[in-house]
Every structure is written in structure tokens, then in C-alpha cells.
Amino acid sequence: MVNAGGIGILGGGSDPDELRANIAWIRERVGDKPFGIDLLLPASFVDGNKEDLESQIPQGHRDFVNKIKTDNDIPDPKEDDTGFNRGGDIMDRARRQLDVLIDEAMPIFASGLGSLAVVKDQLNAVGTKV
């Protein structure tokens, strides 16, 4: 039910372009009423790159994951049509999603996972409640 008085939150697990399209779709229906986006971010999200993230993964964890993959014949992740490897580029994807929220001046941002310290001020500067 659109415009029933509650504040809706969209789980934004999509790629950044789809996220932007979803935001436009919602705005067409709710006008100036507030709504939010909920993104899952890496638990220790910081500005950086894939190499920074890779350097933080302990070898024991890598060995554990490789054993599970080998024991269960699990292939390496493939890139999707946006060029993201579903098992990697997590920080870059999260950064691009957050950039969409900043560009769109989202009314509300929620995240049950990850640290927003690196973008909280940017989100607040465009009026986003975090």
C-alpha cells in the first residue's frame, strides 16, 4: 500500500544503476514523503581498494574457504553484467552504492552491517538521516 503513512525502507542489494532506478521509481510514487535504503556493507568498510581489503583477510580464513570450495566442487565466482565479481570488489560496489545515496540525497539510510564512519558526514551533508 503506497502512501499509507509508514516509512518504507528498500533493501538495496542491487547494482548501483538499478539502485538509482529503484529510487526514481519510489519517488514517482511517494513524492516528497521520506523513505529509506538499507545496504549491507563490508563489516569494516573504509575508503580504499580491493587490495586493502584483501590484505586484512587472514591466511587461515583463506585456507578454510578454499577447503570448502575444493571439498564441495564450488567454482570461483563469475563477474556479473556490471563487471563485479560477486565474491570480490565488495568495497568498490558498496562505495558506488553509497555514492548513489549521496547523489540522490536519500532521506534515510539504514545499515545493519558495516561501519559508516567514512561516509556519515557526506550523507548528513545532503540531509540524509543515518
C-alpha atoms as a PDB file:
ATOM      1  CA  MET A   1       0.000   0.000   0.000  1.00  0.00           C
ATOM      2  CA  VAL A   2       1.696   3.193  -1.180  1.00  0.00           C
ATOM      3  CA  ASN A   3       1.409   6.387   0.901  1.00  0.00           C
ATOM      4  CA  ALA A   4      -0.304   4.642   3.824  1.00  0.00           C
ATOM      5  CA  GLY A   5       1.582   6.639   6.451  1.00  0.00           C
ATOM      6  CA  GLY A   6       4.534   4.398   7.290  1.00  0.00           C
ATOM      7  CA  ILE A   7       8.125   4.915   6.245  1.00  0.00           C
ATOM      8  CA  GLY A   8       9.293   2.292   3.796  1.00  0.00           C
ATOM      9  CA  ILE A   9      12.850   1.022   3.589  1.00  0.00           C
ATOM     10  CA  LEU A  10      14.112  -0.671   0.421  1.00  0.00           C
ATOM     11  CA  GLY A  11      16.773  -3.340   0.727  1.00  0.00           C
ATOM     12  CA  GLY A  12      19.287  -2.021  -1.795  1.00  0.00           C
ATOM     13  CA  GLY A  13      21.296  -5.101  -2.686  1.00  0.00           C
ATOM     14  CA  SER A  14      21.174  -4.271  -6.371  1.00  0.00           C
ATOM     15  CA  ASP A  15      23.926  -2.835  -8.544  1.00  0.00           C
ATOM     16  CA  PRO A  16      24.303   0.973  -8.374  1.00  0.00           C
ATOM     17  CA  ASP A  17      22.409   1.683 -11.630  1.00  0.00           C
ATOM     18  CA  GLU A  18      19.474  -0.483 -10.584  1.00  0.00           C
ATOM     19  CA  LEU A  19      19.527   1.156  -7.142  1.00  0.00           C
ATOM     20  CA  ARG A  20      19.252   4.599  -8.777  1.00  0.00           C
ATOM     21  CA  ALA A  21      16.342   3.385 -10.945  1.00  0.00           C
ATOM     22  CA  ASN A  22      14.573   1.934  -7.880  1.00  0.00           C
ATOM     23  CA  ILE A  23      14.946   5.240  -6.040  1.00  0.00           C
ATOM     24  CA  ALA A  24      13.398   7.098  -9.017  1.00  0.00           C
ATOM     25  CA  TRP A  25      10.526   4.579  -9.123  1.00  0.00           C
ATOM     26  CA  ILE A  26       9.794   5.090  -5.422  1.00  0.00           C
ATOM     27  CA  ARG A  27       9.989   8.895  -5.686  1.00  0.00           C
ATOM     28  CA  GLU A  28       7.442   8.838  -8.522  1.00  0.00           C
ATOM     29  CA  ARG A  29       5.016   7.148  -6.148  1.00  0.00           C
ATOM     30  CA  VAL A  30       5.663   8.812  -2.771  1.00  0.00           C
ATOM     31  CA  GLY A  31       6.609  12.337  -3.839  1.00  0.00           C
ATOM     32  CA  ASP A  32       8.278  14.291  -1.034  1.00  0.00           C
ATOM     33  CA  LYS A  33       7.478  11.750   1.682  1.00  0.00           C
ATOM     34  CA  PRO A  34      10.521  10.179   3.358  1.00  0.00           C
ATOM     35  CA  PHE A  35      11.713   6.666   2.615  1.00  0.00           C
ATOM     36  CA  GLY A  36      14.998   4.902   3.047  1.00  0.00           C
ATOM     37  CA  ILE A  37      17.511   2.498   1.631  1.00  0.00           C
ATOM     38  CA  ASP A  38      19.179  -0.301   3.604  1.00  0.00           C
ATOM     39  CA  LEU A  39      22.540  -1.504   2.297  1.00  0.00           C
ATOM     40  CA  LEU A  40      24.734  -4.309   3.546  1.00  0.00           C
ATOM     41  CA  LEU A  41      28.277  -3.034   3.753  1.00  0.00           C
ATOM     42  CA  PRO A  42      31.523  -4.829   4.473  1.00  0.00           C
ATOM     43  CA  ALA A  43      31.875  -5.122   8.256  1.00  0.00           C
ATOM     44  CA  SER A  44      34.952  -2.888   8.276  1.00  0.00           C
ATOM     45  CA  PHE A  45      34.071  -0.598   5.382  1.00  0.00           C
ATOM     46  CA  VAL A  46      36.686   2.058   4.780  1.00  0.00           C
ATOM     47  CA  ASP A  47      37.621   4.056   1.757  1.00  0.00           C
ATOM     48  CA  GLY A  48      40.189   2.081  -0.114  1.00  0.00           C
ATOM     49  CA  ASN A  49      40.507  -0.587  -2.714  1.00  0.00           C
ATOM     50  CA  LYS A  50      40.310  -4.340  -3.143  1.00  0.00           C
ATOM     51  CA  GLU A  51      43.980  -4.770  -2.245  1.00  0.00           C
ATOM     52  CA  ASP A  52      43.389  -3.031   1.117  1.00  0.00           C
ATOM     53  CA  LEU A  53      40.550  -5.433   1.890  1.00  0.00           C
ATOM     54  CA  GLU A  54      42.479  -8.470   0.665  1.00  0.00           C
ATOM     55  CA  SER A  55      45.395  -7.628   2.971  1.00  0.00           C
ATOM     56  CA  GLN A  56      43.076  -7.832   6.004  1.00  0.00           C
ATOM     57  CA  ILE A  57      41.929 -11.416   5.351  1.00  0.00           C
ATOM     58  CA  PRO A  58      43.917 -13.878   7.477  1.00  0.00           C
ATOM     59  CA  GLN A  59      45.523 -16.852   5.711  1.00  0.00           C
ATOM     60  CA  GLY A  60      43.609 -19.236   7.991  1.00  0.00           C
ATOM     61  CA  HIS A  61      40.333 -17.858   6.637  1.00  0.00           C
ATOM     62  CA  ARG A  62      41.547 -18.182   3.047  1.00  0.00           C
ATOM     63  CA  ASP A  63      42.561 -21.806   3.712  1.00  0.00           C
ATOM     64  CA  PHE A  64      39.165 -22.544   5.277  1.00  0.00           C
ATOM     65  CA  VAL A  65      37.265 -21.090   2.297  1.00  0.00           C
ATOM     66  CA  ASN A  66      39.474 -22.891  -0.215  1.00  0.00           C
ATOM     67  CA  LYS A  67      38.914 -26.219   1.571  1.00  0.00           C
ATOM     68  CA  ILE A  68      35.138 -25.761   1.480  1.00  0.00           C
ATOM     69  CA  LYS A  69      35.296 -24.851  -2.211  1.00  0.00           C
ATOM     70  CA  THR A  70      37.509 -27.845  -3.024  1.00  0.00           C
ATOM     71  CA  ASP A  71      35.545 -30.329  -0.896  1.00  0.00           C
ATOM     72  CA  ASN A  72      32.254 -29.233  -2.467  1.00  0.00           C
ATOM     73  CA  ASP A  73      33.442 -28.542  -6.033  1.00  0.00           C
ATOM     74  CA  ILE A  74      32.406 -24.872  -5.825  1.00  0.00           C
ATOM     75  CA  PRO A  75      33.681 -22.782  -8.759  1.00  0.00           C
ATOM     76  CA  ASP A  76      35.131 -19.306  -8.422  1.00  0.00           C
ATOM     77  CA  PRO A  77      32.513 -16.539  -8.679  1.00  0.00           C
ATOM     78  CA  LYS A  78      31.858 -15.086 -12.134  1.00  0.00           C
ATOM     79  CA  GLU A  79      31.559 -11.426 -12.967  1.00  0.00           C
ATOM     80  CA  ASP A  80      28.015 -10.169 -13.428  1.00  0.00           C
ATOM     81  CA  ASP A  81      26.955  -7.821 -16.211  1.00  0.00           C
ATOM     82  CA  THR A  82      28.127  -4.794 -14.215  1.00  0.00           C
ATOM     83  CA  GLY A  83      31.695  -6.131 -14.129  1.00  0.00           C
ATOM     84  CA  PHE A  84      31.557  -7.027 -10.442  1.00  0.00           C
ATOM     85  CA  ASN A  85      32.896 -10.321  -9.270  1.00  0.00           C
ATOM     86  CA  ARG A  86      30.225 -11.406  -6.793  1.00  0.00           C
ATOM     87  CA  GLY A  87      32.907 -12.669  -4.445  1.00  0.00           C
ATOM     88  CA  GLY A  88      35.137  -9.605  -4.714  1.00  0.00           C
ATOM     89  CA  ASP A  89      35.058  -5.888  -5.367  1.00  0.00           C
ATOM     90  CA  ILE A  90      32.774  -5.585  -2.345  1.00  0.00           C
ATOM     91  CA  MET A  91      34.230  -2.290  -1.176  1.00  0.00           C
ATOM     92  CA  ASP A  92      34.034  -0.764  -4.655  1.00  0.00           C
ATOM     93  CA  ARG A  93      30.418  -1.852  -5.078  1.00  0.00           C
ATOM     94  CA  ALA A  94      29.484  -0.535  -1.627  1.00  0.00           C
ATOM     95  CA  ARG A  95      31.221   2.766  -2.375  1.00  0.00           C
ATOM     96  CA  ARG A  96      29.315   3.111  -5.662  1.00  0.00           C
ATOM     97  CA  GLN A  97      26.018   2.317  -3.915  1.00  0.00           C
ATOM     98  CA  LEU A  98      26.771   4.914  -1.238  1.00  0.00           C
ATOM     99  CA  ASP A  99      27.635   7.453  -3.940  1.00  0.00           C
ATOM    100  CA  VAL A 100      24.147   6.889  -5.402  1.00  0.00           C
ATOM    101  CA  LEU A 101      22.590   7.617  -1.999  1.00  0.00           C
ATOM    102  CA  ILE A 102      24.638  10.807  -1.692  1.00  0.00           C
ATOM    103  CA  ASP A 103      23.821  11.891  -5.274  1.00  0.00           C
ATOM    104  CA  GLU A 104      20.134  11.204  -4.685  1.00  0.00           C
ATOM    105  CA  ALA A 105      20.132  12.918  -1.256  1.00  0.00           C
ATOM    106  CA  MET A 106      18.290   9.967   0.256  1.00  0.00           C
ATOM    107  CA  PRO A 107      16.031  10.918   3.161  1.00  0.00           C
ATOM    108  CA  ILE A 108      17.009   7.872   5.273  1.00  0.00           C
ATOM    109  CA  PHE A 109      19.888   5.404   5.219  1.00  0.00           C
ATOM    110  CA  ALA A 110      19.958   2.233   7.289  1.00  0.00           C
ATOM    111  CA  SER A 111      22.591  -0.458   7.514  1.00  0.00           C
ATOM    112  CA  GLY A 112      22.623  -3.440   9.803  1.00  0.00           C
ATOM    113  CA  LEU A 113      26.160  -4.315   8.826  1.00  0.00           C
ATOM    114  CA  GLY A 114      29.267  -2.226   8.341  1.00  0.00           C
ATOM    115  CA  SER A 115      30.859   0.947   9.584  1.00  0.00           C
ATOM    116  CA  LEU A 116      29.552   4.195   8.160  1.00  0.00           C
ATOM    117  CA  ALA A 117      32.193   6.442   9.693  1.00  0.00           C
ATOM    118  CA  VAL A 118      33.777   7.144   6.314  1.00  0.00           C
ATOM    119  CA  VAL A 119      30.520   8.397   4.718  1.00  0.00           C
ATOM    120  CA  LYS A 120      28.315   9.534   7.606  1.00  0.00           C
ATOM    121  CA  ASP A 121      29.329  13.187   7.255  1.00  0.00           C
ATOM    122  CA  GLN A 122      28.761  13.094   3.470  1.00  0.00           C
ATOM    123  CA  LEU A 123      25.309  11.563   3.923  1.00  0.00           C
ATOM    124  CA  ASN A 124      24.393  14.069   6.644  1.00  0.00           C
ATOM    125  CA  ALA A 125      25.612  16.946   4.448  1.00  0.00           C
ATOM    126  CA  VAL A 126      22.931  16.127   1.848  1.00  0.00           C
ATOM    127  CA  GLY A 127      20.226  15.793   4.551  1.00  0.00           C
ATOM    128  CA  THR A 128      20.256  12.010   4.932  1.00  0.00           C
ATOM    129  CA  LYS A 129      19.306  10.639   8.337  1.00  0.00           C
ATOM    130  CA  VAL A 130      21.693   7.785   9.155  1.00  0.00           C
END
